[in-house]
N, C-alpha and C. Protein backbone atom coordinates (compact mmCIF):
# COMPACT_ATOMS: atom_id res chain seq x y z
N PRO A 1 115.96 91.57 115.09
CA PRO A 1 116.10 92.63 116.10
C PRO A 1 116.10 94.02 115.46
N VAL A 2 115.68 95.01 116.24
CA VAL A 2 115.68 96.40 115.80
C VAL A 2 116.57 97.18 116.75
N TRP A 3 117.58 97.86 116.20
CA TRP A 3 118.56 98.56 117.03
C TRP A 3 118.06 99.92 117.48
N SER A 4 118.45 100.32 118.69
CA SER A 4 118.13 101.65 119.20
C SER A 4 118.92 102.68 118.40
N PRO A 5 118.49 103.97 118.41
CA PRO A 5 119.19 104.99 117.62
C PRO A 5 120.67 105.11 117.93
N ASP A 6 121.08 104.90 119.17
CA ASP A 6 122.50 105.01 119.51
C ASP A 6 123.25 103.69 119.39
N GLY A 7 122.55 102.63 118.98
CA GLY A 7 123.19 101.34 118.77
C GLY A 7 123.56 100.58 120.03
N SER A 8 123.08 101.04 121.19
CA SER A 8 123.47 100.40 122.45
C SER A 8 122.52 99.29 122.88
N GLN A 9 121.31 99.26 122.29
CA GLN A 9 120.31 98.27 122.68
C GLN A 9 119.61 97.72 121.43
N MET A 10 119.01 96.56 121.60
CA MET A 10 118.20 96.01 120.51
C MET A 10 116.88 95.52 121.09
N ALA A 11 115.84 95.69 120.29
CA ALA A 11 114.52 95.20 120.65
C ALA A 11 114.21 94.00 119.78
N TYR A 12 113.58 93.00 120.36
CA TYR A 12 113.27 91.79 119.60
C TYR A 12 112.05 91.11 120.19
N ILE A 13 111.44 90.26 119.37
CA ILE A 13 110.27 89.49 119.79
C ILE A 13 110.70 88.06 120.08
N ALA A 14 110.27 87.54 121.22
CA ALA A 14 110.56 86.16 121.59
C ALA A 14 109.41 85.61 122.42
N THR A 15 109.24 84.32 122.40
CA THR A 15 108.18 83.68 123.19
C THR A 15 108.59 83.63 124.65
N ASN A 16 107.76 84.17 125.54
CA ASN A 16 108.08 84.17 126.96
C ASN A 16 107.60 82.89 127.64
N SER A 17 107.73 82.84 128.97
CA SER A 17 107.38 81.63 129.72
C SER A 17 105.89 81.32 129.67
N GLU A 18 105.06 82.32 129.32
CA GLU A 18 103.62 82.11 129.22
C GLU A 18 103.19 81.72 127.81
N GLY A 19 104.17 81.56 126.92
CA GLY A 19 103.85 81.19 125.55
C GLY A 19 103.38 82.35 124.69
N VAL A 20 103.65 83.58 125.14
CA VAL A 20 103.24 84.78 124.42
C VAL A 20 104.43 85.35 123.65
N ASP A 21 104.18 85.82 122.42
CA ASP A 21 105.23 86.48 121.64
C ASP A 21 105.42 87.89 122.20
N ALA A 22 106.36 88.03 123.12
CA ALA A 22 106.54 89.27 123.86
C ALA A 22 107.71 90.07 123.31
N LEU A 23 107.71 91.36 123.65
CA LEU A 23 108.78 92.28 123.25
C LEU A 23 109.81 92.39 124.37
N PHE A 24 111.07 92.24 124.00
CA PHE A 24 112.18 92.34 124.96
C PHE A 24 113.20 93.35 124.45
N ILE A 25 113.99 93.90 125.39
CA ILE A 25 115.11 94.77 125.05
C ILE A 25 116.35 94.22 125.74
N MET A 26 117.47 94.24 125.00
CA MET A 26 118.73 93.76 125.55
C MET A 26 119.85 94.71 125.11
N THR A 27 120.82 94.93 125.98
CA THR A 27 121.97 95.77 125.63
C THR A 27 122.94 94.96 124.77
N VAL A 28 123.80 95.67 124.08
CA VAL A 28 124.70 94.98 123.14
C VAL A 28 125.74 94.13 123.86
N ASP A 29 125.96 94.36 125.14
CA ASP A 29 126.94 93.56 125.85
C ASP A 29 126.37 92.22 126.32
N GLY A 30 125.09 91.97 125.95
CA GLY A 30 124.50 90.67 126.25
C GLY A 30 123.97 90.54 127.66
N GLY A 31 123.63 91.65 128.30
CA GLY A 31 123.08 91.60 129.64
C GLY A 31 121.71 90.95 129.67
N GLU A 32 121.08 90.96 130.83
CA GLU A 32 119.78 90.32 130.97
C GLU A 32 118.72 91.05 130.15
N ALA A 33 117.89 90.30 129.45
CA ALA A 33 116.84 90.87 128.63
C ALA A 33 115.75 91.47 129.51
N MET A 34 115.26 92.66 129.12
CA MET A 34 114.20 93.33 129.87
C MET A 34 112.89 93.18 129.11
N PRO A 35 111.88 92.55 129.72
CA PRO A 35 110.58 92.41 129.04
C PRO A 35 109.84 93.73 128.98
N ILE A 36 109.30 94.07 127.80
CA ILE A 36 108.50 95.27 127.63
C ILE A 36 107.02 94.92 127.67
N THR A 37 106.66 93.77 127.12
CA THR A 37 105.29 93.27 127.20
C THR A 37 105.33 91.88 127.81
N SER A 38 104.18 91.44 128.33
CA SER A 38 104.14 90.11 128.94
C SER A 38 102.86 89.36 128.59
N SER A 39 101.72 89.99 128.83
CA SER A 39 100.45 89.29 128.65
C SER A 39 99.88 89.40 127.25
N LYS A 40 100.35 90.39 126.46
CA LYS A 40 99.83 90.57 125.10
C LYS A 40 100.94 90.38 124.07
N SER A 41 100.60 89.74 122.97
CA SER A 41 101.57 89.52 121.90
C SER A 41 101.95 90.85 121.26
N ALA A 42 103.21 91.00 120.89
CA ALA A 42 103.70 92.24 120.29
C ALA A 42 104.43 91.92 118.99
N TYR A 43 104.34 92.85 118.05
CA TYR A 43 104.96 92.66 116.75
C TYR A 43 105.42 94.00 116.18
N VAL A 44 106.29 93.96 115.21
CA VAL A 44 106.69 95.10 114.38
C VAL A 44 107.07 96.32 115.24
N THR A 45 108.32 96.39 115.63
CA THR A 45 108.79 97.38 116.59
C THR A 45 109.52 98.54 115.92
N VAL A 46 109.29 99.75 116.44
CA VAL A 46 109.99 100.95 115.98
C VAL A 46 110.47 101.72 117.20
N TRP A 47 111.74 102.15 117.18
CA TRP A 47 112.28 102.98 118.26
C TRP A 47 111.93 104.45 118.04
N GLY A 48 111.69 105.16 119.13
CA GLY A 48 111.58 106.61 119.05
C GLY A 48 112.94 107.20 118.77
N LYS A 49 113.00 108.36 118.15
CA LYS A 49 114.28 108.98 117.80
C LYS A 49 115.12 109.33 119.02
N ASP A 50 114.45 109.56 120.16
CA ASP A 50 115.18 109.90 121.38
C ASP A 50 115.73 108.67 122.10
N GLY A 51 115.35 107.48 121.62
CA GLY A 51 115.82 106.25 122.26
C GLY A 51 115.16 105.97 123.59
N LYS A 52 114.20 106.80 123.98
CA LYS A 52 113.54 106.67 125.29
C LYS A 52 112.15 106.06 125.19
N HIS A 53 111.66 105.88 123.97
CA HIS A 53 110.33 105.31 123.75
C HIS A 53 110.41 104.24 122.67
N ILE A 54 109.52 103.29 122.76
CA ILE A 54 109.47 102.25 121.75
C ILE A 54 108.01 102.02 121.37
N TYR A 55 107.76 101.79 120.10
CA TYR A 55 106.41 101.64 119.57
C TYR A 55 106.27 100.26 118.93
N TYR A 56 105.10 99.68 119.10
CA TYR A 56 104.91 98.32 118.60
C TYR A 56 103.41 98.03 118.46
N MET A 57 103.10 97.02 117.66
CA MET A 57 101.73 96.58 117.53
C MET A 57 101.46 95.48 118.54
N ALA A 58 100.32 95.58 119.23
CA ALA A 58 99.90 94.54 120.16
C ALA A 58 98.39 94.36 120.04
N TYR A 59 97.92 93.18 120.38
CA TYR A 59 96.50 92.86 120.25
C TYR A 59 95.72 93.26 121.50
N ASP A 60 94.49 93.77 121.27
CA ASP A 60 93.61 94.08 122.40
C ASP A 60 92.78 92.86 122.77
N GLU A 61 91.80 93.04 123.67
CA GLU A 61 90.99 91.92 124.16
C GLU A 61 90.11 91.32 123.07
N ASN A 62 89.91 92.07 121.98
CA ASN A 62 89.12 91.55 120.86
C ASN A 62 90.00 90.98 119.75
N ASN A 63 91.28 90.85 120.06
CA ASN A 63 92.26 90.30 119.12
C ASN A 63 92.44 91.18 117.88
N VAL A 64 92.33 92.50 118.08
CA VAL A 64 92.57 93.47 117.03
C VAL A 64 93.86 94.21 117.34
N GLY A 65 94.71 94.39 116.33
CA GLY A 65 96.00 95.02 116.56
C GLY A 65 95.93 96.54 116.63
N HIS A 66 96.60 97.13 117.63
CA HIS A 66 96.72 98.57 117.77
C HIS A 66 98.18 98.91 118.11
N ILE A 67 98.52 100.20 118.00
CA ILE A 67 99.87 100.65 118.30
C ILE A 67 99.97 101.09 119.75
N TRP A 68 101.03 100.63 120.40
CA TRP A 68 101.30 100.99 121.79
C TRP A 68 102.64 101.70 121.88
N GLU A 69 102.75 102.54 122.91
CA GLU A 69 104.00 103.23 123.21
C GLU A 69 104.43 102.87 124.63
N THR A 70 105.70 102.52 124.81
CA THR A 70 106.24 102.26 126.14
C THR A 70 107.43 103.17 126.39
N SER A 71 107.41 103.84 127.53
CA SER A 71 108.54 104.67 127.95
C SER A 71 109.59 103.77 128.59
N LEU A 72 110.81 103.89 128.15
CA LEU A 72 111.89 103.08 128.73
C LEU A 72 112.45 103.72 130.00
N GLU A 73 111.98 104.92 130.32
CA GLU A 73 112.44 105.59 131.55
C GLU A 73 111.65 105.13 132.76
N ASP A 74 110.31 105.02 132.61
CA ASP A 74 109.50 104.61 133.76
C ASP A 74 108.67 103.35 133.50
N GLY A 75 108.76 102.80 132.28
CA GLY A 75 108.04 101.56 131.96
C GLY A 75 106.57 101.73 131.67
N ALA A 76 106.09 102.99 131.68
CA ALA A 76 104.66 103.23 131.43
C ALA A 76 104.31 102.93 129.98
N SER A 77 103.17 102.28 129.79
CA SER A 77 102.71 101.93 128.44
C SER A 77 101.33 102.51 128.21
N LYS A 78 101.06 102.88 126.95
CA LYS A 78 99.74 103.39 126.60
C LYS A 78 99.44 103.07 125.15
N GLN A 79 98.17 102.84 124.88
CA GLN A 79 97.71 102.61 123.51
C GLN A 79 97.56 103.97 122.85
N ILE A 80 98.14 104.15 121.64
CA ILE A 80 98.11 105.46 121.01
C ILE A 80 97.26 105.51 119.74
N THR A 81 96.74 104.38 119.30
CA THR A 81 95.82 104.37 118.15
C THR A 81 94.59 103.56 118.50
N ASN A 82 93.51 103.85 117.80
CA ASN A 82 92.26 103.12 118.06
C ASN A 82 91.45 103.00 116.77
N MET A 83 92.15 102.64 115.70
CA MET A 83 91.47 102.44 114.43
C MET A 83 91.21 100.95 114.28
N ALA A 84 91.90 100.31 113.37
CA ALA A 84 91.76 98.86 113.23
C ALA A 84 92.97 98.31 112.51
N TRP A 85 93.62 97.37 113.13
CA TRP A 85 94.75 96.67 112.52
C TRP A 85 95.85 97.63 112.08
N GLU A 86 96.21 98.53 112.99
CA GLU A 86 97.34 99.41 112.71
C GLU A 86 98.64 98.61 112.86
N VAL A 87 99.54 98.79 111.92
CA VAL A 87 100.83 98.11 111.98
C VAL A 87 101.93 99.16 111.82
N THR A 88 102.87 99.18 112.76
CA THR A 88 103.96 100.16 112.71
C THR A 88 104.81 99.96 111.47
N GLY A 89 105.25 101.08 110.89
CA GLY A 89 106.12 101.01 109.73
C GLY A 89 107.42 101.76 109.93
N ASP A 90 107.33 103.05 110.28
CA ASP A 90 108.54 103.87 110.40
C ASP A 90 108.21 105.08 111.25
N ILE A 91 109.25 105.83 111.60
CA ILE A 91 109.08 107.06 112.34
C ILE A 91 109.73 108.18 111.54
N THR A 92 109.15 109.37 111.55
CA THR A 92 109.69 110.47 110.78
C THR A 92 111.03 110.94 111.38
N PRO A 93 111.89 111.55 110.57
CA PRO A 93 113.21 111.96 111.07
C PRO A 93 113.18 112.88 112.27
N ASP A 94 112.12 113.71 112.39
CA ASP A 94 112.03 114.60 113.55
C ASP A 94 111.45 113.91 114.77
N GLY A 95 111.03 112.64 114.62
CA GLY A 95 110.51 111.88 115.75
C GLY A 95 109.13 112.27 116.20
N LYS A 96 108.43 113.10 115.40
CA LYS A 96 107.13 113.61 115.83
C LYS A 96 105.95 112.81 115.31
N HIS A 97 106.16 111.95 114.31
CA HIS A 97 105.07 111.18 113.74
C HIS A 97 105.50 109.74 113.49
N LEU A 98 104.55 108.86 113.67
CA LEU A 98 104.74 107.45 113.37
C LEU A 98 103.96 107.13 112.10
N LEU A 99 104.59 106.41 111.18
CA LEU A 99 103.93 106.01 109.95
C LEU A 99 103.44 104.58 110.09
N VAL A 100 102.16 104.36 109.80
CA VAL A 100 101.57 103.04 109.97
C VAL A 100 100.67 102.74 108.78
N HIS A 101 100.31 101.47 108.60
CA HIS A 101 99.18 101.17 107.71
C HIS A 101 98.05 100.64 108.58
N ALA A 102 96.84 101.05 108.22
CA ALA A 102 95.70 100.74 109.07
C ALA A 102 94.41 100.75 108.25
N ALA A 103 93.40 100.07 108.78
CA ALA A 103 92.05 100.12 108.23
C ALA A 103 91.23 101.00 109.16
N ALA A 104 90.64 102.08 108.61
CA ALA A 104 89.94 103.01 109.50
C ALA A 104 88.93 103.84 108.74
N GLY A 105 87.93 104.34 109.47
CA GLY A 105 86.95 105.26 108.91
C GLY A 105 86.19 104.67 107.74
N ASN A 106 85.92 105.52 106.74
CA ASN A 106 85.18 105.07 105.56
C ASN A 106 86.09 104.52 104.48
N GLN A 107 87.36 104.39 104.78
CA GLN A 107 88.31 103.85 103.82
C GLN A 107 88.40 102.34 103.97
N LYS A 108 88.13 101.63 102.89
CA LYS A 108 88.22 100.18 102.93
C LYS A 108 89.65 99.74 102.66
N GLY A 109 90.01 98.55 103.14
CA GLY A 109 91.37 98.06 102.95
C GLY A 109 92.34 98.82 103.84
N PHE A 110 93.64 98.62 103.60
CA PHE A 110 94.68 99.28 104.40
C PHE A 110 95.15 100.55 103.70
N LYS A 111 95.35 101.61 104.49
CA LYS A 111 95.86 102.88 103.98
C LYS A 111 97.03 103.33 104.86
N ILE A 112 97.83 104.25 104.32
CA ILE A 112 98.98 104.78 105.06
C ILE A 112 98.52 105.97 105.90
N TRP A 113 98.87 105.95 107.17
CA TRP A 113 98.52 107.02 108.10
C TRP A 113 99.78 107.61 108.75
N LYS A 114 99.70 108.90 109.08
CA LYS A 114 100.74 109.59 109.84
C LYS A 114 100.16 109.90 111.22
N ILE A 115 100.69 109.24 112.23
CA ILE A 115 100.16 109.34 113.59
C ILE A 115 100.99 110.34 114.40
N GLY A 116 100.34 111.37 114.94
CA GLY A 116 101.04 112.36 115.75
C GLY A 116 101.43 111.79 117.10
N LEU A 117 102.68 112.01 117.50
CA LEU A 117 103.17 111.50 118.78
C LEU A 117 103.25 112.59 119.85
N GLU A 118 102.96 113.83 119.45
CA GLU A 118 103.02 114.95 120.40
C GLU A 118 101.72 115.73 120.41
N GLY A 119 100.61 115.00 120.25
CA GLY A 119 99.30 115.64 120.31
C GLY A 119 98.76 116.11 118.97
N GLN A 120 99.55 115.94 117.88
CA GLN A 120 99.06 116.36 116.57
C GLN A 120 97.96 115.42 116.08
N GLU A 121 97.10 115.95 115.23
CA GLU A 121 96.03 115.14 114.65
C GLU A 121 96.62 114.12 113.68
N SER A 122 96.08 112.91 113.71
CA SER A 122 96.53 111.88 112.77
C SER A 122 95.98 112.18 111.38
N VAL A 123 96.79 111.89 110.35
CA VAL A 123 96.44 112.24 108.98
C VAL A 123 96.56 111.00 108.09
N ARG A 124 95.52 110.76 107.28
CA ARG A 124 95.58 109.68 106.31
C ARG A 124 96.30 110.18 105.07
N LEU A 125 97.35 109.48 104.64
CA LEU A 125 98.14 109.92 103.49
C LEU A 125 97.68 109.32 102.18
N THR A 126 97.05 108.15 102.19
CA THR A 126 96.58 107.53 100.95
C THR A 126 95.09 107.22 101.05
N SER A 127 94.43 107.19 99.89
CA SER A 127 92.99 106.94 99.83
C SER A 127 92.67 106.01 98.67
N ASP A 128 91.64 105.19 98.86
CA ASP A 128 91.16 104.31 97.81
C ASP A 128 89.87 103.67 98.31
N THR A 129 88.87 103.56 97.43
CA THR A 129 87.59 103.00 97.87
C THR A 129 87.48 101.51 97.62
N ASP A 130 88.46 100.90 96.98
CA ASP A 130 88.44 99.47 96.72
C ASP A 130 88.84 98.72 97.99
N ASP A 131 87.94 97.86 98.49
CA ASP A 131 88.25 97.17 99.74
C ASP A 131 89.33 96.12 99.59
N ARG A 132 89.79 95.89 98.36
CA ARG A 132 90.89 94.94 98.15
C ARG A 132 92.25 95.63 98.17
N THR A 133 92.26 96.96 98.20
CA THR A 133 93.51 97.70 98.18
C THR A 133 94.23 97.60 99.52
N ALA A 134 95.53 97.33 99.44
CA ALA A 134 96.36 97.27 100.64
C ALA A 134 97.61 98.11 100.42
N ASP A 135 97.63 99.30 101.01
CA ASP A 135 98.82 100.14 101.04
C ASP A 135 99.54 99.81 102.34
N VAL A 136 100.74 99.26 102.27
CA VAL A 136 101.38 98.74 103.47
C VAL A 136 102.88 99.09 103.51
N SER A 137 103.47 98.86 104.67
CA SER A 137 104.92 98.95 104.90
C SER A 137 105.52 100.30 104.52
N PRO A 138 105.05 101.40 105.12
CA PRO A 138 105.60 102.72 104.80
C PRO A 138 107.02 102.91 105.33
N VAL A 139 107.85 103.59 104.52
CA VAL A 139 109.22 103.92 104.91
C VAL A 139 109.47 105.38 104.57
N CYS A 140 109.84 106.17 105.56
CA CYS A 140 110.03 107.61 105.38
C CYS A 140 111.40 107.92 104.80
N SER A 141 111.45 108.92 103.90
CA SER A 141 112.74 109.36 103.37
C SER A 141 113.52 110.08 104.47
N PRO A 142 114.86 110.03 104.42
CA PRO A 142 115.66 110.70 105.46
C PRO A 142 115.42 112.20 105.57
N ASP A 143 115.01 112.85 104.45
CA ASP A 143 114.73 114.28 104.53
C ASP A 143 113.31 114.57 105.01
N GLY A 144 112.51 113.52 105.22
CA GLY A 144 111.17 113.68 105.77
C GLY A 144 110.12 114.16 104.79
N ASN A 145 110.43 114.16 103.48
CA ASN A 145 109.49 114.70 102.50
C ASN A 145 108.60 113.66 101.83
N TRP A 146 109.03 112.40 101.81
CA TRP A 146 108.31 111.37 101.07
C TRP A 146 108.18 110.09 101.89
N VAL A 147 107.17 109.30 101.52
CA VAL A 147 106.97 107.98 102.13
C VAL A 147 106.83 106.98 100.99
N VAL A 148 107.69 105.98 100.95
CA VAL A 148 107.56 104.91 99.96
C VAL A 148 106.80 103.76 100.63
N PHE A 149 105.94 103.10 99.86
CA PHE A 149 105.17 101.99 100.42
C PHE A 149 104.83 101.00 99.31
N SER A 150 104.43 99.80 99.72
CA SER A 150 104.01 98.76 98.79
C SER A 150 102.49 98.78 98.68
N SER A 151 101.98 98.46 97.48
CA SER A 151 100.54 98.47 97.30
C SER A 151 100.13 97.57 96.14
N ASN A 152 98.94 97.02 96.26
CA ASN A 152 98.35 96.22 95.18
C ASN A 152 97.28 97.01 94.43
N ARG A 153 97.25 98.32 94.59
CA ARG A 153 96.18 99.15 94.03
C ARG A 153 96.15 99.13 92.50
N GLU A 154 97.26 98.77 91.86
CA GLU A 154 97.29 98.66 90.41
C GLU A 154 97.44 97.21 89.95
N GLY A 155 97.17 96.29 90.84
CA GLY A 155 97.28 94.88 90.48
C GLY A 155 98.13 94.11 91.45
N LYS A 156 99.40 93.89 91.10
CA LYS A 156 100.31 93.14 91.98
C LYS A 156 101.02 94.09 92.92
N GLY A 157 102.07 93.60 93.56
CA GLY A 157 102.77 94.40 94.55
C GLY A 157 103.74 95.39 93.95
N ASP A 158 103.30 96.63 93.73
CA ASP A 158 104.15 97.69 93.20
C ASP A 158 104.55 98.64 94.31
N LEU A 159 105.54 99.50 94.02
CA LEU A 159 105.98 100.52 94.95
C LEU A 159 105.43 101.88 94.53
N PHE A 160 105.03 102.66 95.52
CA PHE A 160 104.52 104.00 95.31
C PHE A 160 105.21 104.94 96.30
N VAL A 161 105.19 106.22 96.00
CA VAL A 161 105.59 107.23 97.00
C VAL A 161 104.47 108.23 97.15
N VAL A 162 104.29 108.70 98.36
CA VAL A 162 103.32 109.75 98.65
C VAL A 162 104.05 110.84 99.42
N SER A 163 103.73 112.10 99.12
CA SER A 163 104.35 113.19 99.85
C SER A 163 103.87 113.21 101.29
N MET A 164 104.64 113.83 102.15
CA MET A 164 104.31 113.80 103.57
C MET A 164 103.02 114.53 103.90
N ASP A 165 102.57 115.40 103.00
CA ASP A 165 101.27 116.06 103.22
C ASP A 165 100.13 115.31 102.54
N GLY A 166 100.44 114.19 101.84
CA GLY A 166 99.42 113.39 101.20
C GLY A 166 98.90 113.94 99.89
N LYS A 167 99.49 115.02 99.38
CA LYS A 167 98.96 115.67 98.18
C LYS A 167 99.51 115.10 96.88
N GLU A 168 100.66 114.46 96.93
CA GLU A 168 101.27 113.89 95.72
C GLU A 168 101.43 112.38 95.87
N LEU A 169 100.99 111.64 94.84
CA LEU A 169 101.14 110.19 94.83
C LEU A 169 101.72 109.78 93.49
N HIS A 170 102.79 108.97 93.51
CA HIS A 170 103.44 108.52 92.28
C HIS A 170 103.66 107.02 92.32
N ARG A 171 103.34 106.38 91.22
CA ARG A 171 103.65 104.96 91.08
C ARG A 171 105.09 104.84 90.61
N LEU A 172 105.87 104.01 91.29
CA LEU A 172 107.29 103.86 90.96
C LEU A 172 107.58 102.65 90.09
N THR A 173 106.85 101.56 90.26
CA THR A 173 107.14 100.32 89.54
C THR A 173 105.87 99.78 88.89
N SER A 174 106.05 99.00 87.85
CA SER A 174 104.91 98.40 87.15
C SER A 174 105.28 97.04 86.57
N ALA A 175 106.05 96.28 87.31
CA ALA A 175 106.47 94.95 86.85
C ALA A 175 105.33 93.95 87.01
N LYS A 176 105.48 92.79 86.38
CA LYS A 176 104.46 91.75 86.47
C LYS A 176 104.48 91.06 87.83
N GLY A 177 105.66 91.02 88.45
CA GLY A 177 105.79 90.35 89.75
C GLY A 177 105.73 91.35 90.90
N ILE A 178 106.09 90.87 92.08
CA ILE A 178 106.06 91.69 93.29
C ILE A 178 107.42 92.33 93.51
N GLU A 179 107.43 93.64 93.75
CA GLU A 179 108.65 94.37 94.07
C GLU A 179 108.51 94.92 95.49
N SER A 180 109.55 94.77 96.29
CA SER A 180 109.36 94.97 97.73
C SER A 180 110.64 95.43 98.42
N GLN A 181 110.53 95.59 99.74
CA GLN A 181 111.63 95.93 100.65
C GLN A 181 112.39 97.18 100.23
N PRO A 182 111.70 98.30 100.03
CA PRO A 182 112.38 99.54 99.63
C PRO A 182 113.23 100.12 100.77
N VAL A 183 114.38 100.67 100.40
CA VAL A 183 115.28 101.34 101.34
C VAL A 183 115.76 102.64 100.70
N TRP A 184 115.73 103.72 101.44
CA TRP A 184 116.20 105.01 100.94
C TRP A 184 117.71 105.13 101.07
N THR A 185 118.34 105.80 100.12
CA THR A 185 119.74 106.19 100.31
C THR A 185 119.76 107.36 101.29
N PRO A 186 120.87 107.57 102.00
CA PRO A 186 120.92 108.63 103.03
C PRO A 186 120.59 110.02 102.52
N ASP A 187 120.84 110.29 101.22
CA ASP A 187 120.56 111.62 100.68
C ASP A 187 119.14 111.76 100.14
N SER A 188 118.32 110.71 100.28
CA SER A 188 116.91 110.71 99.84
C SER A 188 116.75 110.79 98.32
N LYS A 189 117.82 110.60 97.57
CA LYS A 189 117.74 110.74 96.12
C LYS A 189 117.36 109.44 95.41
N TYR A 190 117.61 108.31 96.06
CA TYR A 190 117.33 107.02 95.42
C TYR A 190 116.60 106.09 96.38
N ILE A 191 115.81 105.18 95.80
CA ILE A 191 115.17 104.10 96.55
C ILE A 191 115.71 102.80 95.98
N ILE A 192 116.29 101.98 96.83
CA ILE A 192 116.79 100.67 96.44
C ILE A 192 115.76 99.63 96.87
N PHE A 193 115.49 98.65 96.01
CA PHE A 193 114.46 97.67 96.35
C PHE A 193 114.71 96.34 95.64
N ARG A 194 114.04 95.31 96.13
CA ARG A 194 114.10 93.99 95.51
C ARG A 194 113.13 93.93 94.33
N GLY A 195 113.64 93.42 93.20
CA GLY A 195 112.80 93.31 92.02
C GLY A 195 112.00 92.02 92.00
N GLU A 196 111.50 91.68 90.82
CA GLU A 196 110.63 90.51 90.67
C GLU A 196 111.33 89.22 91.11
N ASN A 197 112.59 89.08 90.68
CA ASN A 197 113.38 87.93 91.11
C ASN A 197 114.09 88.33 92.39
N SER A 198 113.40 88.17 93.53
CA SER A 198 113.83 88.76 94.79
C SER A 198 115.19 88.28 95.27
N GLU A 199 115.64 87.12 94.82
CA GLU A 199 116.91 86.59 95.31
C GLU A 199 118.10 87.25 94.62
N THR A 200 117.91 87.72 93.40
CA THR A 200 119.05 88.24 92.65
C THR A 200 118.82 89.62 92.05
N ASP A 201 117.60 90.10 92.03
CA ASP A 201 117.24 91.31 91.32
C ASP A 201 117.17 92.51 92.25
N LEU A 202 118.19 93.36 92.23
CA LEU A 202 118.23 94.57 93.05
C LEU A 202 118.16 95.78 92.13
N LYS A 203 117.22 96.69 92.40
CA LYS A 203 116.99 97.81 91.52
C LYS A 203 117.06 99.13 92.29
N ALA A 204 117.16 100.23 91.53
CA ALA A 204 117.18 101.56 92.11
C ALA A 204 116.30 102.50 91.32
N ILE A 205 115.65 103.43 92.01
CA ILE A 205 114.83 104.45 91.38
C ILE A 205 115.36 105.81 91.79
N ASN A 206 115.57 106.66 90.79
CA ASN A 206 116.03 108.03 91.04
C ASN A 206 114.81 108.91 91.27
N MET A 207 114.70 109.53 92.44
CA MET A 207 113.55 110.36 92.76
C MET A 207 113.46 111.60 91.83
N ALA A 208 114.57 111.97 91.20
CA ALA A 208 114.55 113.09 90.28
C ALA A 208 113.75 112.78 89.02
N SER A 209 113.46 111.49 88.79
CA SER A 209 112.72 111.09 87.59
C SER A 209 111.22 111.25 87.75
N LEU A 210 110.74 111.58 88.94
CA LEU A 210 109.30 111.73 89.13
C LEU A 210 108.74 112.90 88.36
């Protein structure tokens, strides 16, 4: 489940009566679950900072994933991306942009994108011409200046950070195995993540070392 900003509701994916992996919302007191989607499968949910909107990936009629927005005030839903295989990752602290990984344009493989939620132009934050490259799972720093993500661009699953304007890119890890699940500390000074031995290996990176 993914908790709303005020902690009063949670969003989760469950199979509905039609056999579809649908998105539901339930209050913390255990009231009746409210379906957000019904006919299309939904995955990877992110709450809007205002708690009034929710964003998620759902498949279109061609079975390609795109990002949708649903208003919790009137139930209206709309598709907000039209690239290819966009997957929600995080929302910026000001609530104005959604961070996703997607395949789009002349860029092969998956890249990190910043999607404007208030009419701003969408911006690609990472670039690579290798069609095997997958930049995925973006997580925004609490101060809104950096995005940490996982990528195989240097071989295995390493962690990288890119500045919010896309001008700075730094490799954070270079282990032989896969390092994953990065989490920012509230002051944006450190990134905590799982190391190669994911069950026991917990590591930290000081952003001042860049």
